Amino acid sequence: MNRLTQALQARRNQGLYRSRRVVSTPQQAELVVDGKRVIAFCSNDYLGLASHPEVVEALRQGAEKYGVGSGAAHLITGHNRSHHRLEEALAEFTARPRALLFSTGYMANLGVIGALLKTGDRLFEDRLNHASLVDAGQLTRAKMVRYQHRDPQSLELQLARSDGGQALIATDGVFSMDGDLAPLPELVELARKHRAWLMVDDAHGLGVLGPDGGGILSHYGLGVDDVEILMGTLGKGFGTYGAFVAGSEGLIETLIQQARSYIYTTAPPAALAEATLVSLRLARRESWRRERLNSLVERFRHAAGQIGLPLTESATPIQPILAGSARQAVAWSMKLEEQGVLVSAIRPPTVAEGSARLRITFSANHTDTQLERLLDALAKLPQAVA
């Protein structure tokens, strides 16, 4: 145990130690965190639906009707008609034949890659993919190859060098730490050329991008014939919890039969499915939420540029400010919190060494006054101006 203590102290010394915060309010733009009221710019509740009264009421009614626990895995007695209705709604929303619910996006990515690839197959992943995709690749029996971030030429070179078995290209749609988009049209062409499957993790795009909130595929005008495997989460743009995979009849039936992270886990509560059905309707119907997000991002980037903040190229609600060292990112985060603004410091190994950052995220619920508070606090950061 002494060895563990020493390793933990080393993380503290390097500015890499992570601590949990205790939130005592519903998820919204303003929170009480560790007993202190702050404006939060680090949530993934992009559309502001996590505490929406209609979503909360649907959860309450669902619990009254079906109880709290599902009692078993989907393949035993845990698959409620609410789950089934939500899968049908998600399939219709994504314009795909079928959808399958998973407990988390992490489990969905592990399940898909583990079910579809075997020894002798090949998996190609963007270097900045989410940890769940990377971990799935490390656990698979297939050979994993990483290509340069958002670089179709790098991918094509790797595809040309590799042969044998089924090939699967897996990429984030919106990269969670940078907010930039995968070059999907180019990836679609490469997948066709090399007869590879293409999988997109659209955790941060669904509900936010494209007409009707259809996500990155909608943004690019792509369909099921272009991207066979779509993974989406429900705890970000839709404000609830869980994830799903959408695709062909054959894909979904294969996952039901072979995805271990689906087969061997208890189904989510039916009440959550009821809540998500309502949040899905709200996300599609209330386009003002996406319009509000776009307005906040545009205003923030314009003002941040005027005060010289080191932004990355992102037009999404994810707006990183590069700090460089982990210590600098932590110091900036603490300075902001002193001014009543909560922004998380993102450090290695989540991002590469030397690219620690503040990761600002916006919600449709943020007010103009709260945006001004954020900008004022950022302007006061030491060494923040280039």
Protein backbone atom coordinates (compact mmCIF):
# COMPACT_ATOMS: atom_id res chain seq x y z
CA MET A 1 0.00 0.00 0.00
CA ASN A 2 2.96 2.32 0.57
CA ARG A 3 3.72 2.06 -3.14
CA LEU A 4 0.19 3.26 -3.96
CA THR A 5 0.54 6.19 -1.57
CA GLN A 6 3.82 7.21 -3.18
CA ALA A 7 2.28 7.03 -6.66
CA LEU A 8 -0.65 9.18 -5.55
CA GLN A 9 1.71 11.78 -4.11
CA ALA A 10 3.64 11.83 -7.37
CA ARG A 11 0.41 12.64 -9.20
CA ARG A 12 -0.20 15.52 -6.80
CA ASN A 13 3.32 16.84 -7.38
CA GLN A 14 2.80 16.74 -11.16
CA GLY A 15 -0.54 18.56 -11.00
CA LEU A 16 -2.37 15.44 -12.24
CA TYR A 17 -4.34 14.50 -9.13
CA ARG A 18 -8.11 14.31 -9.69
CA SER A 19 -10.68 15.13 -7.03
CA ARG A 20 -14.44 14.64 -6.99
CA ARG A 21 -16.70 17.61 -6.37
CA VAL A 22 -20.00 17.34 -4.52
CA VAL A 23 -22.93 19.01 -6.30
CA SER A 24 -26.05 19.69 -4.21
CA THR A 25 -28.35 21.19 -6.85
CA PRO A 26 -29.97 19.91 -10.06
CA GLN A 27 -27.83 20.07 -13.19
CA GLN A 28 -28.24 23.58 -14.57
CA ALA A 29 -26.16 26.59 -15.56
CA GLU A 30 -25.73 27.63 -11.92
CA LEU A 31 -24.76 24.98 -9.37
CA VAL A 32 -23.84 24.65 -5.73
CA VAL A 33 -20.52 22.77 -5.70
CA ASP A 34 -18.84 21.89 -2.41
CA GLY A 35 -21.21 24.34 -0.77
CA LYS A 36 -20.29 27.24 -3.07
CA ARG A 37 -22.57 28.74 -5.73
CA VAL A 38 -20.86 28.88 -9.15
CA ILE A 39 -21.72 29.31 -12.82
CA ALA A 40 -20.79 26.00 -14.46
CA PHE A 41 -19.17 25.96 -17.90
CA CYS A 42 -18.08 22.31 -17.82
CA SER A 43 -21.25 20.25 -18.23
CA ASN A 44 -22.23 18.25 -21.31
CA ASP A 45 -25.92 19.18 -20.83
CA TYR A 46 -25.75 21.06 -24.12
CA LEU A 47 -29.47 21.58 -24.67
CA GLY A 48 -30.28 22.23 -21.01
CA LEU A 49 -32.64 19.24 -20.73
CA ALA A 50 -31.19 17.47 -17.68
CA SER A 51 -33.53 19.29 -15.29
CA HIS A 52 -36.36 20.14 -17.69
CA PRO A 53 -39.71 19.88 -15.83
CA GLU A 54 -41.30 17.66 -18.49
CA VAL A 55 -38.33 15.26 -18.44
CA VAL A 56 -38.35 15.15 -14.65
CA GLU A 57 -42.10 14.47 -14.62
CA ALA A 58 -41.73 11.67 -17.16
CA LEU A 59 -39.10 10.06 -14.94
CA ARG A 60 -41.38 10.36 -11.90
CA GLN A 61 -44.36 8.86 -13.69
CA GLY A 62 -42.18 6.10 -15.14
CA ALA A 63 -40.93 5.17 -11.66
CA GLU A 64 -44.47 5.11 -10.32
CA LYS A 65 -45.56 2.85 -13.16
CA TYR A 66 -42.56 0.51 -13.48
CA GLY A 67 -40.62 0.92 -10.25
CA VAL A 68 -36.96 1.86 -10.02
CA GLY A 69 -34.84 -1.17 -10.88
CA SER A 70 -35.23 -3.19 -14.07
CA GLY A 71 -34.43 -6.38 -12.18
CA ALA A 72 -32.43 -8.21 -14.84
CA ALA A 73 -30.54 -8.01 -18.10
CA HIS A 74 -32.41 -7.17 -21.30
CA LEU A 75 -32.27 -10.81 -22.42
CA ILE A 76 -33.91 -12.11 -19.25
CA THR A 77 -36.76 -9.98 -17.83
CA GLY A 78 -35.19 -6.50 -17.94
CA HIS A 79 -36.36 -5.39 -21.39
CA ASN A 80 -39.40 -3.21 -20.67
CA ARG A 81 -41.80 -1.90 -23.31
CA SER A 82 -40.45 1.59 -22.49
CA HIS A 83 -36.99 0.44 -23.59
CA HIS A 84 -38.53 -0.97 -26.76
CA ARG A 85 -40.40 2.26 -27.53
CA LEU A 86 -37.22 4.28 -27.01
CA GLU A 87 -35.24 2.01 -29.33
CA GLU A 88 -37.90 2.47 -32.00
CA ALA A 89 -37.86 6.25 -31.49
CA LEU A 90 -34.06 6.37 -31.74
CA ALA A 91 -34.10 4.28 -34.90
CA GLU A 92 -36.61 6.68 -36.43
CA PHE A 93 -34.61 9.70 -35.23
CA THR A 94 -31.38 8.43 -36.80
CA ALA A 95 -33.16 7.14 -39.95
CA ARG A 96 -31.90 3.59 -39.37
CA PRO A 97 -33.73 0.25 -39.32
CA ARG A 98 -32.90 -0.59 -35.68
CA ALA A 99 -31.40 0.80 -32.48
CA LEU A 100 -30.16 -0.96 -29.35
CA LEU A 101 -29.88 0.55 -25.87
CA PHE A 102 -26.72 0.23 -23.78
CA SER A 103 -26.15 1.37 -20.22
CA THR A 104 -23.29 3.74 -21.15
CA GLY A 105 -21.40 4.91 -24.21
CA TYR A 106 -18.32 3.18 -22.85
CA MET A 107 -20.15 -0.14 -22.76
CA ALA A 108 -21.60 0.45 -26.21
CA ASN A 109 -18.16 0.98 -27.77
CA LEU A 110 -16.70 -2.04 -25.98
CA GLY A 111 -19.69 -4.11 -27.06
CA VAL A 112 -19.61 -3.17 -30.74
CA ILE A 113 -15.90 -3.67 -31.34
CA GLY A 114 -15.76 -6.82 -29.25
CA ALA A 115 -18.72 -8.35 -31.08
CA LEU A 116 -17.72 -7.47 -34.63
CA LEU A 117 -13.97 -8.10 -34.76
CA LYS A 118 -11.97 -11.29 -34.26
CA THR A 119 -8.39 -12.47 -34.61
CA GLY A 120 -7.05 -11.51 -38.02
CA ASP A 121 -9.35 -8.50 -38.40
CA ARG A 122 -8.11 -4.87 -38.37
CA LEU A 123 -9.26 -1.82 -36.45
CA PHE A 124 -8.27 1.72 -37.51
CA GLU A 125 -8.72 4.53 -34.99
CA ASP A 126 -8.11 8.27 -34.95
CA ARG A 127 -5.32 9.09 -32.48
CA LEU A 128 -7.61 11.42 -30.52
CA ASN A 129 -10.56 9.04 -30.21
CA HIS A 130 -12.37 8.87 -26.87
CA ALA A 131 -10.86 6.55 -24.26
CA SER A 132 -13.74 4.10 -24.63
CA LEU A 133 -12.91 3.48 -28.29
CA VAL A 134 -9.21 3.21 -27.50
CA ASP A 135 -9.85 0.76 -24.68
CA ALA A 136 -12.15 -1.28 -26.91
CA GLY A 137 -9.33 -1.47 -29.43
CA GLN A 138 -6.84 -2.59 -26.81
CA LEU A 139 -9.19 -5.34 -25.65
CA THR A 140 -10.13 -6.64 -29.09
CA ARG A 141 -8.49 -9.67 -30.64
CA ALA A 142 -8.09 -7.69 -33.88
CA LYS A 143 -5.00 -5.64 -34.74
CA MET A 144 -5.46 -1.95 -33.85
CA VAL A 145 -3.77 0.77 -35.89
CA ARG A 146 -3.90 4.48 -35.01
CA TYR A 147 -3.89 7.13 -37.74
CA GLN A 148 -3.08 10.83 -37.41
CA HIS A 149 -5.85 13.04 -36.09
CA ARG A 150 -8.41 14.01 -38.74
CA ASP A 151 -5.96 12.94 -41.47
CA PRO A 152 -7.53 10.84 -44.25
CA GLN A 153 -4.16 10.51 -46.01
CA SER A 154 -2.65 8.95 -42.89
CA LEU A 155 -5.60 6.55 -42.70
CA GLU A 156 -5.31 5.60 -46.36
CA LEU A 157 -1.63 4.85 -45.91
CA GLN A 158 -2.40 2.57 -42.97
CA LEU A 159 -5.21 0.85 -44.85
CA ALA A 160 -2.95 0.23 -47.84
CA ARG A 161 -0.23 -1.24 -45.63
CA SER A 162 -2.57 -3.65 -43.89
CA ASP A 163 -4.44 -6.63 -45.27
CA GLY A 164 -6.41 -9.66 -44.18
CA GLY A 165 -9.70 -10.01 -42.37
CA GLN A 166 -12.46 -7.47 -41.90
CA ALA A 167 -11.45 -3.82 -41.50
CA LEU A 168 -13.31 -1.40 -39.22
CA ILE A 169 -12.65 2.36 -39.10
CA ALA A 170 -13.77 3.93 -35.82
CA THR A 171 -13.84 7.64 -35.09
CA ASP A 172 -15.38 10.21 -32.81
CA GLY A 173 -17.84 12.47 -34.63
CA VAL A 174 -17.07 15.50 -32.47
CA PHE A 175 -13.79 15.09 -30.61
CA SER A 176 -14.58 15.61 -26.96
CA MET A 177 -11.43 17.46 -25.87
CA ASP A 178 -11.00 19.68 -28.95
CA GLY A 179 -14.52 20.19 -30.27
CA ASP A 180 -13.45 19.64 -33.89
CA LEU A 181 -15.25 17.39 -36.36
CA ALA A 182 -14.15 14.17 -38.01
CA PRO A 183 -13.73 14.48 -41.80
CA LEU A 184 -16.53 12.00 -42.39
CA PRO A 185 -17.09 12.43 -46.16
CA GLU A 186 -13.44 11.49 -46.77
CA LEU A 187 -13.63 8.59 -44.32
CA VAL A 188 -16.75 7.29 -46.08
CA GLU A 189 -14.89 7.22 -49.40
CA LEU A 190 -11.92 5.41 -47.86
CA ALA A 191 -14.19 2.86 -46.21
CA ARG A 192 -15.84 2.13 -49.54
CA LYS A 193 -12.53 1.92 -51.37
CA HIS A 194 -11.05 -0.52 -48.87
CA ARG A 195 -14.31 -2.40 -48.10
CA ALA A 196 -14.14 -1.42 -44.45
CA TRP A 197 -16.95 -0.84 -41.99
CA LEU A 198 -17.21 2.70 -40.63
CA MET A 199 -18.25 3.39 -37.02
CA VAL A 200 -18.95 6.88 -35.65
CA ASP A 201 -19.21 7.73 -31.95
CA ASP A 202 -21.46 10.81 -32.08
CA ALA A 203 -21.73 11.33 -28.32
CA HIS A 204 -21.14 15.08 -28.59
CA GLY A 205 -22.95 15.70 -31.87
CA LEU A 206 -26.42 14.21 -31.43
CA GLY A 207 -28.98 16.82 -30.44
CA VAL A 208 -26.48 19.59 -31.18
CA LEU A 209 -25.44 19.42 -34.84
CA GLY A 210 -27.46 19.26 -38.02
CA PRO A 211 -31.10 19.98 -38.80
CA ASP A 212 -33.40 18.61 -36.11
CA GLY A 213 -30.35 17.81 -33.98
CA GLY A 214 -29.55 14.73 -36.04
CA GLY A 215 -25.84 14.96 -35.27
CA ILE A 216 -22.72 14.87 -37.38
CA LEU A 217 -24.19 12.52 -40.00
CA SER A 218 -27.05 14.96 -40.50
CA HIS A 219 -24.53 17.81 -40.58
CA TYR A 220 -22.74 16.15 -43.50
CA GLY A 221 -25.87 14.69 -45.14
CA LEU A 222 -24.76 11.08 -44.63
CA GLY A 223 -26.94 8.02 -44.06
CA VAL A 224 -26.84 4.38 -43.06
CA ASP A 225 -25.36 3.39 -46.44
CA ASP A 226 -22.41 5.70 -45.71
CA VAL A 227 -21.84 4.94 -42.02
CA GLU A 228 -22.95 1.46 -41.01
CA ILE A 229 -22.47 1.84 -37.24
CA LEU A 230 -23.64 4.86 -35.25
CA MET A 231 -23.16 5.13 -31.50
CA GLY A 232 -24.85 7.92 -29.56
CA THR A 233 -25.17 8.82 -25.90
CA LEU A 234 -28.23 10.03 -24.03
CA GLY A 235 -26.53 11.83 -21.12
CA LYS A 236 -25.22 14.80 -23.10
CA GLY A 237 -27.45 16.56 -25.63
CA PHE A 238 -30.52 14.64 -24.45
CA GLY A 239 -29.87 15.25 -20.76
CA THR A 240 -30.69 11.80 -19.36
CA TYR A 241 -28.49 8.68 -19.18
CA GLY A 242 -27.34 5.75 -21.28
CA ALA A 243 -26.38 5.14 -24.89
CA PHE A 244 -27.45 3.35 -28.04
CA VAL A 245 -26.14 1.86 -31.26
CA ALA A 246 -28.13 2.30 -34.47
CA GLY A 247 -27.74 0.48 -37.75
CA SER A 248 -29.00 -2.38 -39.87
CA GLU A 249 -31.13 -5.30 -38.73
CA GLY A 250 -28.12 -7.58 -39.05
CA LEU A 251 -25.91 -5.29 -36.95
CA ILE A 252 -28.38 -4.98 -34.08
CA GLU A 253 -29.20 -8.70 -34.00
CA THR A 254 -25.47 -9.49 -33.98
CA LEU A 255 -24.95 -7.16 -31.01
CA ILE A 256 -27.87 -8.74 -29.13
CA GLN A 257 -26.27 -12.15 -29.64
CA GLN A 258 -22.59 -11.28 -29.17
CA ALA A 259 -21.99 -7.93 -27.41
CA ARG A 260 -20.88 -8.99 -23.93
CA SER A 261 -21.40 -5.54 -22.42
CA TYR A 262 -25.04 -5.76 -23.51
CA ILE A 263 -25.71 -9.39 -22.62
CA TYR A 264 -24.12 -9.47 -19.19
CA THR A 265 -25.42 -6.33 -17.52
CA THR A 266 -28.66 -5.24 -15.88
CA ALA A 267 -30.94 -3.17 -18.11
CA PRO A 268 -31.31 0.55 -17.25
CA PRO A 269 -34.48 1.57 -15.37
CA ALA A 270 -37.57 1.79 -17.56
CA ALA A 271 -38.27 5.19 -16.00
CA LEU A 272 -35.11 6.52 -17.64
CA ALA A 273 -36.39 5.38 -21.01
CA GLU A 274 -39.65 7.24 -20.36
CA ALA A 275 -37.70 10.41 -19.51
CA THR A 276 -35.53 10.06 -22.61
CA LEU A 277 -38.55 9.71 -24.89
CA VAL A 278 -39.65 13.15 -23.67
CA SER A 279 -36.18 14.72 -23.93
CA LEU A 280 -35.81 13.35 -27.46
CA ARG A 281 -39.08 15.02 -28.47
CA LEU A 282 -38.01 18.30 -26.86
CA ALA A 283 -34.61 18.21 -28.54
CA ARG A 284 -36.18 17.73 -31.96
CA ARG A 285 -39.01 20.21 -31.49
CA GLU A 286 -37.26 23.11 -29.76
CA SER A 287 -34.75 24.20 -32.38
CA TRP A 288 -34.18 27.41 -30.43
CA ARG A 289 -31.90 25.43 -28.13
CA ARG A 290 -29.44 24.73 -30.96
CA GLU A 291 -29.79 28.30 -32.20
CA ARG A 292 -29.01 29.58 -28.70
CA LEU A 293 -25.95 27.35 -28.47
CA ASN A 294 -24.63 28.59 -31.80
CA SER A 295 -25.16 32.18 -30.74
CA LEU A 296 -23.30 31.67 -27.46
CA VAL A 297 -20.37 29.99 -29.21
CA GLU A 298 -20.10 32.73 -31.85
CA ARG A 299 -20.21 35.51 -29.26
CA PHE A 300 -17.71 33.75 -27.03
CA ARG A 301 -15.20 33.15 -29.82
CA HIS A 302 -15.45 36.73 -31.03
CA ALA A 303 -14.92 38.17 -27.54
CA ALA A 304 -12.21 35.64 -26.63
CA GLY A 305 -10.31 36.51 -29.77
CA GLN A 306 -10.39 40.18 -28.85
CA ILE A 307 -8.71 39.52 -25.51
CA GLY A 308 -6.17 37.13 -27.01
CA LEU A 309 -7.23 33.82 -25.50
CA PRO A 310 -5.49 30.77 -27.09
CA LEU A 311 -8.52 29.00 -28.59
CA THR A 312 -8.57 25.93 -30.81
CA GLU A 313 -10.53 25.62 -34.06
CA SER A 314 -13.96 24.57 -32.83
CA ALA A 315 -17.43 25.70 -33.84
CA THR A 316 -19.15 23.37 -31.35
CA PRO A 317 -20.17 23.98 -27.70
CA ILE A 318 -16.77 22.52 -26.70
CA GLN A 319 -14.34 25.45 -26.52
CA PRO A 320 -10.86 24.54 -25.19
CA ILE A 321 -8.36 27.17 -24.04
CA LEU A 322 -4.85 25.75 -24.23
CA ALA A 323 -2.73 26.17 -21.12
CA GLY A 324 0.22 23.91 -21.92
CA SER A 325 1.25 22.49 -18.57
CA ALA A 326 -1.02 20.68 -16.16
CA ARG A 327 -0.01 23.09 -13.41
CA GLN A 328 -1.04 26.10 -15.51
CA ALA A 329 -4.41 24.55 -16.35
CA VAL A 330 -5.10 23.80 -12.68
CA ALA A 331 -4.01 27.30 -11.63
CA TRP A 332 -6.35 28.88 -14.20
CA SER A 333 -9.24 26.66 -13.13
CA MET A 334 -8.73 27.62 -9.48
CA LYS A 335 -8.51 31.32 -10.37
CA LEU A 336 -11.80 31.13 -12.26
CA GLU A 337 -13.49 29.36 -9.37
CA GLU A 338 -12.41 32.15 -7.03
CA GLN A 339 -14.51 34.41 -9.27
CA GLY A 340 -17.52 32.08 -9.15
CA VAL A 341 -16.94 30.39 -12.53
CA LEU A 342 -16.42 26.62 -12.72
CA VAL A 343 -14.35 25.29 -15.64
CA SER A 344 -12.51 21.98 -15.43
CA ALA A 345 -8.79 21.63 -16.06
CA ILE A 346 -8.12 18.81 -18.53
CA ARG A 347 -4.72 17.20 -18.07
CA PRO A 348 -2.71 14.18 -19.23
CA PRO A 349 -3.40 11.37 -19.85
CA THR A 350 -6.79 12.65 -21.07
CA VAL A 351 -4.87 14.95 -23.43
CA ALA A 352 -1.28 14.75 -24.62
CA GLU A 353 1.60 16.01 -22.52
CA GLY A 354 2.02 19.75 -23.03
CA SER A 355 -1.57 20.28 -24.20
CA ALA A 356 -3.40 20.66 -20.88
CA ARG A 357 -6.34 23.02 -21.16
CA LEU A 358 -9.46 24.55 -19.78
CA ARG A 359 -12.42 22.84 -21.44
CA ILE A 360 -15.30 25.31 -21.63
CA THR A 361 -18.67 23.88 -22.62
CA PHE A 362 -21.88 25.79 -23.22
CA SER A 363 -25.51 25.00 -22.52
CA ALA A 364 -28.58 26.53 -24.11
CA ASN A 365 -29.52 27.54 -20.56
CA HIS A 366 -26.58 29.91 -20.16
CA THR A 367 -27.67 33.56 -20.04
CA ASP A 368 -25.97 36.55 -21.64
CA THR A 369 -25.03 37.77 -18.16
CA GLN A 370 -23.38 34.44 -17.36
CA LEU A 371 -21.42 34.58 -20.61
CA GLU A 372 -20.16 38.05 -19.67
CA ARG A 373 -19.15 36.74 -16.23
CA LEU A 374 -17.13 34.02 -17.92
CA LEU A 375 -15.39 36.45 -20.27
CA ASP A 376 -14.59 38.88 -17.46
CA ALA A 377 -13.08 36.07 -15.39
CA LEU A 378 -11.04 34.76 -18.32
CA ALA A 379 -9.68 38.24 -19.04
CA LYS A 380 -8.22 38.33 -15.52
CA LEU A 381 -6.28 35.08 -15.81
CA PRO A 382 -2.53 35.54 -15.33
CA GLN A 383 -0.61 34.93 -18.57
CA ALA A 384 -3.88 34.16 -20.38
CA VAL A 385 -3.32 36.79 -23.03
CA ALA A 386 -0.85 35.82 -25.74
